[in-house]
Amino acid sequence: MLVLYVFKTFFNNNNYWTKKLSRTAFAAYVFQDIALYSVAKIYQPLMTQTSLINFVVVGIPSVIIAFALSGVICKTPKLKEIF
């Protein structure tokens, strides 16, 4: 309940970045597998036994890449109609 209250109170606003991320969220969901697979393949030789480290090192860049890819995809004229 505290987390819900904090996010509703302090982070419930619209600005440039939230509008941009909201616009590209569905495309990022569709193309997240491409980003996740590519980052995991690059990081595979360096995998550790600690799953939390692997999650952070693969997960954070994958989310950033997925949203960057979806931002480019949502700017193309034909794909803008779909996404």
N, C-alpha and C. Protein backbone atom coordinates (compact mmCIF):
# COMPACT_ATOMS: atom_id res chain seq x y z
N MET A 1 0.82 -1.19 0.00
CA MET A 1 0.00 0.00 0.00
C MET A 1 0.87 1.25 0.00
N LEU A 2 1.99 1.19 0.69
CA LEU A 2 2.88 2.35 0.73
C LEU A 2 3.45 2.65 -0.65
N VAL A 3 3.83 1.62 -1.38
CA VAL A 3 4.38 1.83 -2.73
C VAL A 3 3.32 2.44 -3.64
N LEU A 4 2.10 1.96 -3.57
CA LEU A 4 1.02 2.53 -4.37
C LEU A 4 0.80 4.00 -4.03
N TYR A 5 0.80 4.32 -2.76
CA TYR A 5 0.60 5.70 -2.33
C TYR A 5 1.73 6.60 -2.82
N VAL A 6 2.98 6.12 -2.68
CA VAL A 6 4.13 6.94 -3.09
C VAL A 6 4.10 7.19 -4.59
N PHE A 7 3.85 6.16 -5.39
CA PHE A 7 3.84 6.35 -6.83
C PHE A 7 2.65 7.21 -7.28
N LYS A 8 1.51 7.05 -6.63
CA LYS A 8 0.36 7.87 -6.98
C LYS A 8 0.60 9.33 -6.61
N THR A 9 1.24 9.57 -5.51
CA THR A 9 1.46 10.93 -5.03
C THR A 9 2.57 11.64 -5.80
N PHE A 10 3.70 10.97 -6.01
CA PHE A 10 4.87 11.66 -6.53
C PHE A 10 5.13 11.42 -8.02
N PHE A 11 4.67 10.31 -8.57
CA PHE A 11 5.03 9.98 -9.95
C PHE A 11 3.84 9.94 -10.89
N ASN A 12 2.70 10.45 -10.49
CA ASN A 12 1.50 10.43 -11.31
C ASN A 12 1.38 11.76 -12.07
N ASN A 13 2.28 11.95 -13.04
CA ASN A 13 2.26 13.17 -13.83
C ASN A 13 2.64 12.85 -15.28
N ASN A 14 2.29 13.73 -16.16
CA ASN A 14 2.62 13.58 -17.57
C ASN A 14 3.70 14.57 -17.95
N ASN A 15 4.71 14.06 -18.61
CA ASN A 15 5.73 14.92 -19.19
C ASN A 15 6.16 14.30 -20.52
N TYR A 16 7.19 14.84 -21.12
CA TYR A 16 7.62 14.37 -22.43
C TYR A 16 7.98 12.89 -22.42
N TRP A 17 8.75 12.46 -21.41
CA TRP A 17 9.24 11.08 -21.38
C TRP A 17 8.12 10.08 -21.10
N THR A 18 7.22 10.41 -20.22
CA THR A 18 6.13 9.46 -19.94
C THR A 18 5.20 9.32 -21.13
N LYS A 19 4.96 10.41 -21.86
CA LYS A 19 4.14 10.32 -23.07
C LYS A 19 4.84 9.49 -24.14
N LYS A 20 6.14 9.69 -24.29
CA LYS A 20 6.92 8.96 -25.29
C LYS A 20 6.97 7.47 -24.96
N LEU A 21 7.22 7.13 -23.71
CA LEU A 21 7.27 5.72 -23.30
C LEU A 21 5.91 5.07 -23.37
N SER A 22 4.88 5.80 -23.05
CA SER A 22 3.52 5.27 -23.14
C SER A 22 3.15 5.00 -24.59
N ARG A 23 3.57 5.86 -25.48
CA ARG A 23 3.27 5.70 -26.91
C ARG A 23 3.95 4.46 -27.49
N THR A 24 5.14 4.13 -27.01
CA THR A 24 5.91 3.03 -27.57
C THR A 24 5.85 1.76 -26.73
N ALA A 25 5.03 1.71 -25.70
CA ALA A 25 5.02 0.57 -24.79
C ALA A 25 4.57 -0.73 -25.48
N PHE A 26 3.56 -0.68 -26.33
CA PHE A 26 3.10 -1.90 -26.98
C PHE A 26 4.14 -2.42 -27.97
N ALA A 27 4.77 -1.53 -28.70
CA ALA A 27 5.81 -1.96 -29.63
C ALA A 27 7.00 -2.55 -28.87
N ALA A 28 7.33 -1.98 -27.72
CA ALA A 28 8.42 -2.52 -26.90
C ALA A 28 8.06 -3.92 -26.40
N TYR A 29 6.80 -4.13 -26.08
CA TYR A 29 6.34 -5.45 -25.65
C TYR A 29 6.47 -6.46 -26.78
N VAL A 30 6.15 -6.04 -27.99
CA VAL A 30 6.20 -6.95 -29.13
C VAL A 30 7.65 -7.30 -29.49
N PHE A 31 8.54 -6.32 -29.44
CA PHE A 31 9.92 -6.53 -29.88
C PHE A 31 10.91 -6.77 -28.74
N GLN A 32 10.43 -7.05 -27.54
CA GLN A 32 11.35 -7.26 -26.43
C GLN A 32 12.15 -8.55 -26.57
N ASP A 33 11.61 -9.53 -27.27
CA ASP A 33 12.33 -10.79 -27.45
C ASP A 33 13.60 -10.59 -28.26
N ILE A 34 13.56 -9.73 -29.24
CA ILE A 34 14.75 -9.46 -30.06
C ILE A 34 15.84 -8.84 -29.19
N ALA A 35 15.48 -7.87 -28.40
CA ALA A 35 16.46 -7.21 -27.53
C ALA A 35 16.99 -8.17 -26.47
N LEU A 36 16.11 -8.93 -25.87
CA LEU A 36 16.52 -9.86 -24.81
C LEU A 36 17.44 -10.94 -25.35
N TYR A 37 17.10 -11.48 -26.50
CA TYR A 37 17.92 -12.53 -27.10
C TYR A 37 19.30 -12.00 -27.49
N SER A 38 19.36 -10.83 -28.09
CA SER A 38 20.65 -10.30 -28.52
C SER A 38 21.56 -9.96 -27.34
N VAL A 39 21.02 -9.36 -26.31
CA VAL A 39 21.84 -9.03 -25.14
C VAL A 39 22.28 -10.31 -24.42
N ALA A 40 21.41 -11.29 -24.32
CA ALA A 40 21.77 -12.55 -23.66
C ALA A 40 22.84 -13.29 -24.44
N LYS A 41 22.78 -13.26 -25.77
CA LYS A 41 23.80 -13.92 -26.58
C LYS A 41 25.15 -13.24 -26.43
N ILE A 42 25.15 -11.91 -26.35
CA ILE A 42 26.42 -11.19 -26.16
C ILE A 42 26.99 -11.48 -24.78
N TYR A 43 26.15 -11.54 -23.77
CA TYR A 43 26.59 -11.72 -22.38
C TYR A 43 26.82 -13.19 -22.01
N GLN A 44 26.43 -14.12 -22.85
CA GLN A 44 26.46 -15.55 -22.51
C GLN A 44 27.84 -16.05 -22.05
N PRO A 45 28.95 -15.68 -22.69
CA PRO A 45 30.24 -16.18 -22.19
C PRO A 45 30.61 -15.66 -20.81
N LEU A 46 30.01 -14.60 -20.37
CA LEU A 46 30.35 -13.99 -19.08
C LEU A 46 29.33 -14.29 -17.99
N MET A 47 28.39 -15.20 -18.25
CA MET A 47 27.35 -15.51 -17.26
C MET A 47 27.96 -15.98 -15.95
N THR A 48 27.36 -15.59 -14.85
CA THR A 48 27.82 -16.00 -13.53
C THR A 48 26.82 -16.98 -12.92
N GLN A 49 27.14 -17.49 -11.77
CA GLN A 49 26.24 -18.39 -11.06
C GLN A 49 25.17 -17.62 -10.29
N THR A 50 25.37 -16.34 -10.12
CA THR A 50 24.41 -15.51 -9.40
C THR A 50 23.37 -15.00 -10.37
N SER A 51 22.15 -15.47 -10.20
CA SER A 51 21.10 -15.11 -11.14
C SER A 51 20.69 -13.64 -11.05
N LEU A 52 20.84 -13.04 -9.89
CA LEU A 52 20.49 -11.62 -9.75
C LEU A 52 21.40 -10.73 -10.60
N ILE A 53 22.68 -11.06 -10.62
CA ILE A 53 23.63 -10.30 -11.44
C ILE A 53 23.29 -10.48 -12.92
N ASN A 54 23.00 -11.70 -13.32
CA ASN A 54 22.63 -11.97 -14.71
C ASN A 54 21.36 -11.22 -15.09
N PHE A 55 20.39 -11.19 -14.18
CA PHE A 55 19.15 -10.48 -14.44
C PHE A 55 19.38 -8.99 -14.65
N VAL A 56 20.20 -8.39 -13.80
CA VAL A 56 20.47 -6.96 -13.90
C VAL A 56 21.25 -6.64 -15.16
N VAL A 57 22.28 -7.44 -15.45
CA VAL A 57 23.14 -7.16 -16.60
C VAL A 57 22.42 -7.41 -17.92
N VAL A 58 21.50 -8.36 -17.97
CA VAL A 58 20.77 -8.64 -19.20
C VAL A 58 19.46 -7.85 -19.24
N GLY A 59 18.78 -7.71 -18.12
CA GLY A 59 17.46 -7.10 -18.10
C GLY A 59 17.43 -5.62 -18.37
N ILE A 60 18.30 -4.87 -17.73
CA ILE A 60 18.28 -3.42 -17.89
C ILE A 60 18.63 -2.99 -19.32
N PRO A 61 19.72 -3.50 -19.91
CA PRO A 61 19.98 -3.11 -21.30
C PRO A 61 18.91 -3.60 -22.27
N SER A 62 18.29 -4.74 -21.98
CA SER A 62 17.23 -5.25 -22.85
C SER A 62 16.02 -4.33 -22.87
N VAL A 63 15.65 -3.81 -21.73
CA VAL A 63 14.52 -2.88 -21.67
C VAL A 63 14.85 -1.59 -22.42
N ILE A 64 16.05 -1.08 -22.23
CA ILE A 64 16.47 0.15 -22.91
C ILE A 64 16.49 -0.07 -24.42
N ILE A 65 17.06 -1.18 -24.86
CA ILE A 65 17.13 -1.47 -26.30
C ILE A 65 15.73 -1.68 -26.87
N ALA A 66 14.85 -2.37 -26.14
CA ALA A 66 13.49 -2.60 -26.64
C ALA A 66 12.74 -1.29 -26.82
N PHE A 67 12.86 -0.37 -25.88
CA PHE A 67 12.18 0.91 -26.02
C PHE A 67 12.83 1.78 -27.10
N ALA A 68 14.14 1.69 -27.27
CA ALA A 68 14.80 2.44 -28.34
C ALA A 68 14.37 1.90 -29.70
N LEU A 69 14.33 0.59 -29.83
CA LEU A 69 13.88 -0.03 -31.08
C LEU A 69 12.43 0.30 -31.37
N SER A 70 11.60 0.27 -30.36
CA SER A 70 10.19 0.59 -30.57
C SER A 70 9.99 2.07 -30.88
N GLY A 71 10.84 2.94 -30.35
CA GLY A 71 10.76 4.35 -30.70
C GLY A 71 11.06 4.59 -32.16
N VAL A 72 12.04 3.86 -32.69
CA VAL A 72 12.35 3.97 -34.12
C VAL A 72 11.23 3.38 -34.96
N ILE A 73 10.69 2.27 -34.53
CA ILE A 73 9.63 1.60 -35.28
C ILE A 73 8.36 2.46 -35.30
N CYS A 74 8.05 3.10 -34.20
CA CYS A 74 6.83 3.92 -34.14
C CYS A 74 6.95 5.22 -34.94
N LYS A 75 8.15 5.57 -35.39
CA LYS A 75 8.31 6.77 -36.20
C LYS A 75 8.14 6.49 -37.69
N THR A 76 8.20 5.24 -38.11
CA THR A 76 8.01 4.95 -39.53
C THR A 76 6.53 5.09 -39.88
N PRO A 77 6.23 5.64 -41.04
CA PRO A 77 4.84 5.98 -41.37
C PRO A 77 3.88 4.77 -41.40
N LYS A 78 4.26 3.69 -42.03
CA LYS A 78 3.35 2.54 -42.13
C LYS A 78 3.19 1.83 -40.79
N LEU A 79 4.27 1.68 -40.05
CA LEU A 79 4.19 0.98 -38.77
C LEU A 79 3.54 1.84 -37.68
N LYS A 80 3.50 3.15 -37.87
CA LYS A 80 2.84 4.03 -36.90
C LYS A 80 1.36 3.72 -36.83
N GLU A 81 0.79 3.27 -37.96
CA GLU A 81 -0.64 2.90 -37.98
C GLU A 81 -0.90 1.63 -37.18
N ILE A 82 0.06 0.73 -37.16
CA ILE A 82 -0.11 -0.53 -36.44
C ILE A 82 0.12 -0.34 -34.94
N PHE A 83 1.22 0.34 -34.62
CA PHE A 83 1.57 0.52 -33.22
C PHE A 83 1.15 1.88 -32.78
